[in-house]
C-alpha atoms as a PDB file:
ATOM      1  CA  UNK A   1       0.000   0.000   0.000  1.00  0.00           C
ATOM      2  CA  UNK A   2       2.910   2.357   0.751  1.00  0.00           C
ATOM      3  CA  UNK A   3       4.123   1.980  -2.847  1.00  0.00           C
ATOM      4  CA  UNK A   4       0.704   3.107  -4.130  1.00  0.00           C
ATOM      5  CA  UNK A   5       0.898   6.242  -1.983  1.00  0.00           C
ATOM      6  CA  UNK A   6       4.473   6.844  -3.195  1.00  0.00           C
ATOM      7  CA  UNK A   7       3.354   6.473  -6.810  1.00  0.00           C
ATOM      8  CA  UNK A   8       0.549   8.991  -6.177  1.00  0.00           C
ATOM      9  CA  UNK A   9       2.949  11.546  -4.656  1.00  0.00           C
ATOM     10  CA  UNK A  10       5.152  11.766  -7.774  1.00  0.00           C
ATOM     11  CA  UNK A  11       2.458  12.959 -10.249  1.00  0.00           C
ATOM     12  CA  UNK A  12       1.095  15.306  -7.598  1.00  0.00           C
ATOM     13  CA  UNK A  13       4.607  16.759  -7.367  1.00  0.00           C
ATOM     14  CA  UNK A  14       4.479  17.517 -11.099  1.00  0.00           C
ATOM     15  CA  UNK A  15       1.054  19.147 -10.689  1.00  0.00           C
ATOM     16  CA  UNK A  16       2.199  21.400  -7.844  1.00  0.00           C
ATOM     17  CA  UNK A  17       5.310  22.431  -9.800  1.00  0.00           C
ATOM     18  CA  UNK A  18       3.234  23.396 -12.850  1.00  0.00           C
ATOM     19  CA  UNK A  19       0.730  25.298 -10.723  1.00  0.00           C
ATOM     20  CA  UNK A  20       3.543  27.167  -8.982  1.00  0.00           C
ATOM     21  CA  UNK A  21       5.063  28.150 -12.334  1.00  0.00           C
ATOM     22  CA  UNK A  22       1.700  29.688 -13.248  1.00  0.00           C
ATOM     23  CA  UNK A  23       0.756  31.215  -9.852  1.00  0.00           C
ATOM     24  CA  UNK A  24       4.167  32.144  -8.460  1.00  0.00           C
ATOM     25  CA  UNK A  25       3.202  31.784  -4.781  1.00  0.00           C
ATOM     26  CA  UNK A  26       3.603  28.495  -2.900  1.00  0.00           C
ATOM     27  CA  UNK A  27       0.878  29.151  -0.322  1.00  0.00           C
ATOM     28  CA  UNK A  28      -1.720  30.061  -2.948  1.00  0.00           C
ATOM     29  CA  UNK A  29      -0.559  27.111  -5.057  1.00  0.00           C
ATOM     30  CA  UNK A  30      -1.345  24.739  -2.167  1.00  0.00           C
ATOM     31  CA  UNK A  31      -4.808  26.266  -1.757  1.00  0.00           C
ATOM     32  CA  UNK A  32      -5.582  26.032  -5.492  1.00  0.00           C
ATOM     33  CA  UNK A  33      -4.286  22.447  -5.739  1.00  0.00           C
ATOM     34  CA  UNK A  34      -6.351  21.378  -2.706  1.00  0.00           C
ATOM     35  CA  UNK A  35      -9.484  22.971  -4.176  1.00  0.00           C
ATOM     36  CA  UNK A  36      -8.930  21.269  -7.551  1.00  0.00           C
ATOM     37  CA  UNK A  37      -8.451  17.844  -5.943  1.00  0.00           C
ATOM     38  CA  UNK A  38     -11.533  18.277  -3.737  1.00  0.00           C
ATOM     39  CA  UNK A  39     -13.607  19.244  -6.785  1.00  0.00           C
ATOM     40  CA  UNK A  40     -12.374  16.197  -8.709  1.00  0.00           C
ATOM     41  CA  UNK A  41     -13.220  13.954  -5.739  1.00  0.00           C
ATOM     42  CA  UNK A  42     -16.702  15.446  -5.267  1.00  0.00           C
ATOM     43  CA  UNK A  43     -18.535  12.667  -7.196  1.00  0.00           C
ATOM     44  CA  UNK A  44     -16.783  10.048  -5.053  1.00  0.00           C
ATOM     45  CA  UNK A  45     -17.616  11.858  -1.810  1.00  0.00           C
ATOM     46  CA  UNK A  46     -21.231  12.143  -2.944  1.00  0.00           C
ATOM     47  CA  UNK A  47     -21.471   8.447  -3.811  1.00  0.00           C
ATOM     48  CA  UNK A  48     -19.866   7.412  -0.526  1.00  0.00           C
ATOM     49  CA  UNK A  49     -22.011   9.629   1.713  1.00  0.00           C
ATOM     50  CA  UNK A  50     -25.298   8.781  -0.004  1.00  0.00           C
ATOM     51  CA  UNK A  51     -24.460   5.077   0.028  1.00  0.00           C
ATOM     52  CA  UNK A  52     -23.699   5.217   3.762  1.00  0.00           C
ATOM     53  CA  UNK A  53     -26.848   7.264   4.385  1.00  0.00           C
ATOM     54  CA  UNK A  54     -28.965   4.700   2.519  1.00  0.00           C
ATOM     55  CA  UNK A  55     -27.415   1.936   4.600  1.00  0.00           C
ATOM     56  CA  UNK A  56     -28.269   3.909   7.713  1.00  0.00           C
ATOM     57  CA  UNK A  57     -31.924   4.155   6.645  1.00  0.00           C
ATOM     58  CA  UNK A  58     -32.065   0.358   6.304  1.00  0.00           C
ATOM     59  CA  UNK A  59     -30.616  -0.374   9.752  1.00  0.00           C
ATOM     60  CA  UNK A  60     -34.040  -0.879  11.450  1.00  0.00           C
ATOM     61  CA  UNK A  61     -35.062  -3.375   8.715  1.00  0.00           C
ATOM     62  CA  UNK A  62     -31.729  -5.182   8.964  1.00  0.00           C
ATOM     63  CA  UNK A  63     -32.145  -5.422  12.730  1.00  0.00           C
ATOM     64  CA  UNK A  64     -35.628  -6.928  12.258  1.00  0.00           C
ATOM     65  CA  UNK A  65     -34.188  -9.548   9.886  1.00  0.00           C
ATOM     66  CA  UNK A  66     -31.435 -10.383  12.378  1.00  0.00           C
ATOM     67  CA  UNK A  67     -33.958 -10.813  15.184  1.00  0.00           C
ATOM     68  CA  UNK A  68     -36.267 -12.929  13.037  1.00  0.00           C
ATOM     69  CA  UNK A  69     -33.708 -15.157  11.288  1.00  0.00           C
ATOM     70  CA  UNK A  70     -30.825 -15.025  13.756  1.00  0.00           C
ATOM     71  CA  UNK A  71     -30.889 -18.807  14.188  1.00  0.00           C
ATOM     72  CA  UNK A  72     -30.536 -19.390  10.427  1.00  0.00           C
ATOM     73  CA  UNK A  73     -27.465 -17.469   9.124  1.00  0.00           C
ATOM     74  CA  UNK A  74     -27.985 -18.591   5.506  1.00  0.00           C
ATOM     75  CA  UNK A  75     -31.604 -17.419   5.384  1.00  0.00           C
ATOM     76  CA  UNK A  76     -30.652 -14.216   7.216  1.00  0.00           C
ATOM     77  CA  UNK A  77     -28.045 -13.415   4.517  1.00  0.00           C
ATOM     78  CA  UNK A  78     -30.580 -14.155   1.784  1.00  0.00           C
ATOM     79  CA  UNK A  79     -33.212 -11.880   3.326  1.00  0.00           C
ATOM     80  CA  UNK A  80     -30.644  -9.122   3.856  1.00  0.00           C
ATOM     81  CA  UNK A  81     -29.526  -9.402   0.212  1.00  0.00           C
ATOM     82  CA  UNK A  82     -33.187  -9.196  -0.887  1.00  0.00           C
ATOM     83  CA  UNK A  83     -33.617  -6.058   1.227  1.00  0.00           C
ATOM     84  CA  UNK A  84     -30.584  -4.419  -0.406  1.00  0.00           C
ATOM     85  CA  UNK A  85     -31.839  -5.384  -3.867  1.00  0.00           C
ATOM     86  CA  UNK A  86     -35.347  -4.104  -3.146  1.00  0.00           C
ATOM     87  CA  UNK A  87     -34.046  -0.687  -2.104  1.00  0.00           C
ATOM     88  CA  UNK A  88     -31.291  -0.533  -4.740  1.00  0.00           C
ATOM     89  CA  UNK A  89     -28.508  -0.328  -2.146  1.00  0.00           C
ATOM     90  CA  UNK A  90     -25.022  -1.748  -2.624  1.00  0.00           C
ATOM     91  CA  UNK A  91     -23.478  -2.453   0.825  1.00  0.00           C
ATOM     92  CA  UNK A  92     -20.011  -2.078  -0.740  1.00  0.00           C
ATOM     93  CA  UNK A  93     -20.967   1.133  -2.553  1.00  0.00           C
ATOM     94  CA  UNK A  94     -19.019   3.368  -0.179  1.00  0.00           C
ATOM     95  CA  UNK A  95     -15.823   1.275  -0.106  1.00  0.00           C
ATOM     96  CA  UNK A  96     -14.328   2.024  -3.544  1.00  0.00           C
ATOM     97  CA  UNK A  97     -14.761   5.818  -3.257  1.00  0.00           C
ATOM     98  CA  UNK A  98     -13.259   5.685   0.238  1.00  0.00           C
ATOM     99  CA  UNK A  99     -10.273   3.657  -1.019  1.00  0.00           C
ATOM    100  CA  UNK A 100      -9.598   6.073  -3.901  1.00  0.00           C
ATOM    101  CA  UNK A 101      -9.882   9.089  -1.588  1.00  0.00           C
ATOM    102  CA  UNK A 102      -7.470   7.488   0.889  1.00  0.00           C
ATOM    103  CA  UNK A 103      -4.846   6.861  -1.799  1.00  0.00           C
ATOM    104  CA  UNK A 104      -5.056  10.446  -3.082  1.00  0.00           C
ATOM    105  CA  UNK A 105      -5.006  11.937   0.420  1.00  0.00           C
ATOM    106  CA  UNK A 106      -2.010   9.850   1.500  1.00  0.00           C
ATOM    107  CA  UNK A 107      -0.253  10.766  -1.746  1.00  0.00           C
ATOM    108  CA  UNK A 108      -0.773  14.433  -0.888  1.00  0.00           C
ATOM    109  CA  UNK A 109       0.337  13.796   2.680  1.00  0.00           C
ATOM    110  CA  UNK A 110       3.612  12.259   1.475  1.00  0.00           C
ATOM    111  CA  UNK A 111       4.154  15.070  -1.031  1.00  0.00           C
ATOM    112  CA  UNK A 112       3.540  17.962   1.358  1.00  0.00           C
ATOM    113  CA  UNK A 113       5.404  16.392   4.258  1.00  0.00           C
ATOM    114  CA  UNK A 114       8.542  15.758   2.166  1.00  0.00           C
ATOM    115  CA  UNK A 115       8.090  17.837  -1.030  1.00  0.00           C
ATOM    116  CA  UNK A 116      11.727  17.634  -2.146  1.00  0.00           C
ATOM    117  CA  UNK A 117      11.470  13.842  -2.472  1.00  0.00           C
ATOM    118  CA  UNK A 118       8.901  14.225  -5.249  1.00  0.00           C
ATOM    119  CA  UNK A 119       9.486  17.707  -6.730  1.00  0.00           C
ATOM    120  CA  UNK A 120      12.474  17.853  -9.061  1.00  0.00           C
ATOM    121  CA  UNK A 121      12.259  21.535  -9.985  1.00  0.00           C
ATOM    122  CA  UNK A 122      15.152  23.631  -8.608  1.00  0.00           C
ATOM    123  CA  UNK A 123      12.764  26.573  -8.316  1.00  0.00           C
ATOM    124  CA  UNK A 124      10.605  24.590  -5.882  1.00  0.00           C
ATOM    125  CA  UNK A 125      13.537  24.058  -3.505  1.00  0.00           C
ATOM    126  CA  UNK A 126      13.254  27.722  -2.588  1.00  0.00           C
ATOM    127  CA  UNK A 127       9.478  27.921  -3.071  1.00  0.00           C
ATOM    128  CA  UNK A 128       8.664  25.536  -0.198  1.00  0.00           C
ATOM    129  CA  UNK A 129      10.467  27.921   2.171  1.00  0.00           C
ATOM    130  CA  UNK A 130       8.421  30.956   1.121  1.00  0.00           C
ATOM    131  CA  UNK A 131       6.462  32.971   3.668  1.00  0.00           C
ATOM    132  CA  UNK A 132       2.678  33.151   3.479  1.00  0.00           C
ATOM    133  CA  UNK A 133       0.481  35.540   5.472  1.00  0.00           C
ATOM    134  CA  UNK A 134       1.798  35.288   9.076  1.00  0.00           C
ATOM    135  CA  UNK A 135       3.850  32.131   8.346  1.00  0.00           C
ATOM    136  CA  UNK A 136       7.551  32.860   7.835  1.00  0.00           C
ATOM    137  CA  UNK A 137       8.481  29.475   6.324  1.00  0.00           C
ATOM    138  CA  UNK A 138       5.905  27.036   4.883  1.00  0.00           C
ATOM    139  CA  UNK A 139       8.302  24.127   5.331  1.00  0.00           C
ATOM    140  CA  UNK A 140       8.268  24.666   9.097  1.00  0.00           C
ATOM    141  CA  UNK A 141       5.371  24.028  11.514  1.00  0.00           C
ATOM    142  CA  UNK A 142       3.008  26.809  12.538  1.00  0.00           C
ATOM    143  CA  UNK A 143       2.562  26.125  16.217  1.00  0.00           C
ATOM    144  CA  UNK A 144      -0.924  27.460  16.921  1.00  0.00           C
ATOM    145  CA  UNK A 145      -2.999  29.444  14.416  1.00  0.00           C
ATOM    146  CA  UNK A 146      -3.089  26.967  11.501  1.00  0.00           C
ATOM    147  CA  UNK A 147      -3.401  23.871  13.729  1.00  0.00           C
ATOM    148  CA  UNK A 148      -6.369  25.407  15.572  1.00  0.00           C
ATOM    149  CA  UNK A 149      -7.995  26.445  12.273  1.00  0.00           C
ATOM    150  CA  UNK A 150      -7.494  22.903  10.937  1.00  0.00           C
ATOM    151  CA  UNK A 151      -8.937  21.393  14.125  1.00  0.00           C
ATOM    152  CA  UNK A 152     -12.011  23.657  14.119  1.00  0.00           C
ATOM    153  CA  UNK A 153     -12.702  22.948  10.416  1.00  0.00           C
ATOM    154  CA  UNK A 154     -12.355  19.211  11.087  1.00  0.00           C
ATOM    155  CA  UNK A 155     -14.814  19.420  13.990  1.00  0.00           C
ATOM    156  CA  UNK A 156     -17.502  21.145  11.925  1.00  0.00           C
ATOM    157  CA  UNK A 157     -16.997  18.725   8.997  1.00  0.00           C
ATOM    158  CA  UNK A 158     -17.523  15.814  11.435  1.00  0.00           C
ATOM    159  CA  UNK A 159     -20.451  17.545  13.133  1.00  0.00           C
ATOM    160  CA  UNK A 160     -22.380  18.053   9.890  1.00  0.00           C
ATOM    161  CA  UNK A 161     -21.588  14.539   8.665  1.00  0.00           C
ATOM    162  CA  UNK A 162     -22.868  13.217  11.989  1.00  0.00           C
ATOM    163  CA  UNK A 163     -26.141  15.050  11.304  1.00  0.00           C
ATOM    164  CA  UNK A 164     -26.482  13.414   7.874  1.00  0.00           C
ATOM    165  CA  UNK A 165     -26.902   9.984   9.471  1.00  0.00           C
ATOM    166  CA  UNK A 166     -24.665   7.049   8.593  1.00  0.00           C
ATOM    167  CA  UNK A 167     -24.536   3.430   9.838  1.00  0.00           C
ATOM    168  CA  UNK A 168     -22.018   4.559  12.459  1.00  0.00           C
ATOM    169  CA  UNK A 169     -24.399   7.165  13.836  1.00  0.00           C
ATOM    170  CA  UNK A 170     -27.248   4.667  14.025  1.00  0.00           C
ATOM    171  CA  UNK A 171     -25.414   2.207  16.232  1.00  0.00           C
ATOM    172  CA  UNK A 172     -25.037   2.634  19.999  1.00  0.00           C
ATOM    173  CA  UNK A 173     -26.608   6.073  19.773  1.00  0.00           C
ATOM    174  CA  UNK A 174     -23.758   7.212  17.554  1.00  0.00           C
ATOM    175  CA  UNK A 175     -21.451   6.988  20.588  1.00  0.00           C
ATOM    176  CA  UNK A 176     -18.252   6.217  18.705  1.00  0.00           C
ATOM    177  CA  UNK A 177     -19.020   8.831  16.056  1.00  0.00           C
ATOM    178  CA  UNK A 178     -19.588  11.473  18.726  1.00  0.00           C
ATOM    179  CA  UNK A 179     -16.347  10.578  20.497  1.00  0.00           C
ATOM    180  CA  UNK A 180     -14.421  10.862  17.229  1.00  0.00           C
ATOM    181  CA  UNK A 181     -16.101  14.196  16.516  1.00  0.00           C
ATOM    182  CA  UNK A 182     -14.230  15.647  19.514  1.00  0.00           C
ATOM    183  CA  UNK A 183     -11.102  13.475  19.660  1.00  0.00           C
ATOM    184  CA  UNK A 184     -10.088  13.590  15.983  1.00  0.00           C
ATOM    185  CA  UNK A 185      -9.976  17.427  15.730  1.00  0.00           C
ATOM    186  CA  UNK A 186      -7.746  17.490  18.836  1.00  0.00           C
ATOM    187  CA  UNK A 187      -5.462  14.933  17.168  1.00  0.00           C
ATOM    188  CA  UNK A 188      -5.330  17.144  14.061  1.00  0.00           C
ATOM    189  CA  UNK A 189      -4.306  20.153  16.182  1.00  0.00           C
ATOM    190  CA  UNK A 190      -1.551  18.116  17.833  1.00  0.00           C
ATOM    191  CA  UNK A 191      -0.275  16.637  14.550  1.00  0.00           C
ATOM    192  CA  UNK A 192      -0.440  19.935  12.647  1.00  0.00           C
ATOM    193  CA  UNK A 193       1.890  21.497  15.226  1.00  0.00           C
ATOM    194  CA  UNK A 194       4.633  19.065  14.186  1.00  0.00           C
ATOM    195  CA  UNK A 195       4.133  18.987  10.391  1.00  0.00           C
ATOM    196  CA  UNK A 196       5.123  21.603   7.777  1.00  0.00           C
ATOM    197  CA  UNK A 197       2.708  24.546   7.629  1.00  0.00           C
ATOM    198  CA  UNK A 198       2.050  23.690   3.966  1.00  0.00           C
ATOM    199  CA  UNK A 199       0.486  20.396   5.041  1.00  0.00           C
ATOM    200  CA  UNK A 200      -1.649  22.168   7.659  1.00  0.00           C
ATOM    201  CA  UNK A 201      -2.857  24.584   4.951  1.00  0.00           C
ATOM    202  CA  UNK A 202      -3.886  21.616   2.816  1.00  0.00           C
ATOM    203  CA  UNK A 203      -5.815  20.009   5.682  1.00  0.00           C
ATOM    204  CA  UNK A 204      -7.569  23.234   6.694  1.00  0.00           C
ATOM    205  CA  UNK A 205      -8.679  24.055   3.125  1.00  0.00           C
ATOM    206  CA  UNK A 206      -9.688  20.432   2.534  1.00  0.00           C
ATOM    207  CA  UNK A 207     -11.889  20.315   5.645  1.00  0.00           C
ATOM    208  CA  UNK A 208     -13.249  23.821   5.011  1.00  0.00           C
ATOM    209  CA  UNK A 209     -14.480  22.677   1.587  1.00  0.00           C
ATOM    210  CA  UNK A 210     -15.747  19.427   3.127  1.00  0.00           C
ATOM    211  CA  UNK A 211     -18.029  21.442   5.419  1.00  0.00           C
ATOM    212  CA  UNK A 212     -19.859  22.814   2.375  1.00  0.00           C
ATOM    213  CA  UNK A 213     -19.899  19.360   0.779  1.00  0.00           C
ATOM    214  CA  UNK A 214     -21.509  17.881   3.883  1.00  0.00           C
ATOM    215  CA  UNK A 215     -24.133  20.640   3.971  1.00  0.00           C
ATOM    216  CA  UNK A 216     -24.912  19.780   0.346  1.00  0.00           C
ATOM    217  CA  UNK A 217     -25.041  16.046   1.112  1.00  0.00           C
ATOM    218  CA  UNK A 218     -27.450  16.686   3.993  1.00  0.00           C
ATOM    219  CA  UNK A 219     -29.772  18.516   1.580  1.00  0.00           C
ATOM    220  CA  UNK A 220     -29.472  15.692  -0.959  1.00  0.00           C
ATOM    221  CA  UNK A 221     -30.390  13.133   1.681  1.00  0.00           C
ATOM    222  CA  UNK A 222     -33.396  15.201   2.706  1.00  0.00           C
ATOM    223  CA  UNK A 223     -34.513  15.437  -0.925  1.00  0.00           C
ATOM    224  CA  UNK A 224     -34.051  11.663  -1.300  1.00  0.00           C
ATOM    225  CA  UNK A 225     -36.269  11.024   1.735  1.00  0.00           C
ATOM    226  CA  UNK A 226     -38.952  13.324   0.353  1.00  0.00           C
ATOM    227  CA  UNK A 227     -38.928  11.451  -2.966  1.00  0.00           C
ATOM    228  CA  UNK A 228     -39.292   8.114  -1.154  1.00  0.00           C
ATOM    229  CA  UNK A 229     -42.260   9.457   0.824  1.00  0.00           C
ATOM    230  CA  UNK A 230     -43.944  10.640  -2.380  1.00  0.00           C
ATOM    231  CA  UNK A 231     -43.426   7.205  -3.977  1.00  0.00           C
ATOM    232  CA  UNK A 232     -44.965   5.471  -0.941  1.00  0.00           C
ATOM    233  CA  UNK A 233     -48.001   7.751  -1.068  1.00  0.00           C
ATOM    234  CA  UNK A 234     -48.519   6.973  -4.762  1.00  0.00           C
ATOM    235  CA  UNK A 235     -48.444   3.250  -4.012  1.00  0.00           C
END
């Protein structure tokens, strides 16, 4: 798996070099590149979230099947498969998008953590040390402002996703999801204080955009529920 991430980092290094040649500012280049990647991944995010939301809606029916056919695992699997087919849900629908996103994100992580391993341009050797806003050197950690911004953006992205409703939020009152909603942003703050500021910029912009994506996904889920209600009324 590490080789896949390494392979992803090299082409991303070419992309960031070309963008820098056009933009001429490393900080803005990171923001633009993050926005482009998030836009390209939007269809995958949408498919993953809606697939997970659909699975969440079926949880009460799945639980009923488990209670009814718990003593017959074969029949229970058959009934569960029929339920998925009836509602047009693929239980693995969210896995492929998640895998692709993970590869791209880890490729970016490797690139921005050690840019000189993947960027061959001599110009970029100096570019990664440029200042940006209050940050004197983008290759060095920003100890507080960026990490806190990244942590806050991560919290709100989690919070809105939690409101959408996924299988994780349906189980045990969403306990684990709620714990992660508070713990993960704190981890991001701690990690961002030790990584190059350029990587913290990427994470903050990525999560900031994700907030708007999750708001959009929540609206899509609501619209989907309304359509299902209308279909039931017609029947």
